[in-house]
């Protein structure tokens, strides 16, 4: 994953990385029962603006 062979692979790996990060962060919000964080995570994932999470 660190050295993709094509542009297609690069975008493919990026998509899955974002997806797995999203799922891990949503699980964290669920375990801590933090609905505000879950909302911010959804917004960051759907808008591809991960800087919203601080």
Protein backbone atom coordinates (compact mmCIF):
# COMPACT_ATOMS: atom_id res chain seq x y z
CA UNK A 1 0.00 0.00 0.00
CA UNK A 2 2.91 2.35 0.55
CA UNK A 3 4.04 2.14 -3.07
CA UNK A 4 1.06 1.86 -5.41
CA UNK A 5 1.88 0.85 -8.97
CA UNK A 6 -0.68 3.08 -10.63
CA UNK A 7 -2.89 6.09 -10.04
CA UNK A 8 -5.90 3.77 -9.85
CA UNK A 9 -4.28 1.77 -7.04
CA UNK A 10 -3.43 4.98 -5.21
CA UNK A 11 -7.06 6.12 -5.20
CA UNK A 12 -8.29 2.62 -4.39
CA UNK A 13 -6.02 2.40 -1.33
CA UNK A 14 -7.01 5.91 -0.26
CA UNK A 15 -10.70 5.05 -0.43
CA UNK A 16 -10.29 1.99 1.79
CA UNK A 17 -8.02 3.81 4.23
CA UNK A 18 -10.67 6.53 4.71
CA UNK A 19 -13.37 3.89 5.10
CA UNK A 20 -11.47 1.96 7.79
CA UNK A 21 -10.56 5.15 9.66
CA UNK A 22 -14.21 6.20 9.58
CA UNK A 23 -15.36 2.86 10.99
CA UNK A 24 -12.72 2.91 13.74
CA UNK A 25 -13.62 6.47 14.78
CA UNK A 26 -17.35 5.69 14.74
CA UNK A 27 -16.68 2.68 16.98
CA UNK A 28 -14.74 4.92 19.38
CA UNK A 29 -17.62 7.40 19.51
CA UNK A 30 -20.07 4.56 20.11
CA UNK A 31 -17.98 3.05 22.93
CA UNK A 32 -17.62 6.44 24.64
CA UNK A 33 -21.29 7.26 23.98
CA UNK A 34 -20.32 10.60 22.40
CA UNK A 35 -23.07 11.59 19.96
CA UNK A 36 -21.47 14.95 19.15
CA UNK A 37 -18.24 13.25 18.09
CA UNK A 38 -20.19 10.74 15.98
CA UNK A 39 -21.89 13.63 14.18
CA UNK A 40 -18.56 15.35 13.47
CA UNK A 41 -17.07 12.07 12.23
CA UNK A 42 -19.99 11.58 9.80
CA UNK A 43 -19.61 15.12 8.50
CA UNK A 44 -15.83 14.78 8.12
CA UNK A 45 -16.15 11.48 6.24
CA UNK A 46 -18.94 12.55 3.91
CA UNK A 47 -17.28 15.88 3.05
CA UNK A 48 -13.73 14.43 3.00
CA UNK A 49 -12.67 17.14 5.44
CA UNK A 50 -10.84 15.18 8.12
CA UNK A 51 -9.48 18.40 9.60
CA UNK A 52 -12.92 18.88 11.23
CA UNK A 53 -11.91 16.27 13.80
CA UNK A 54 -9.62 17.78 16.40
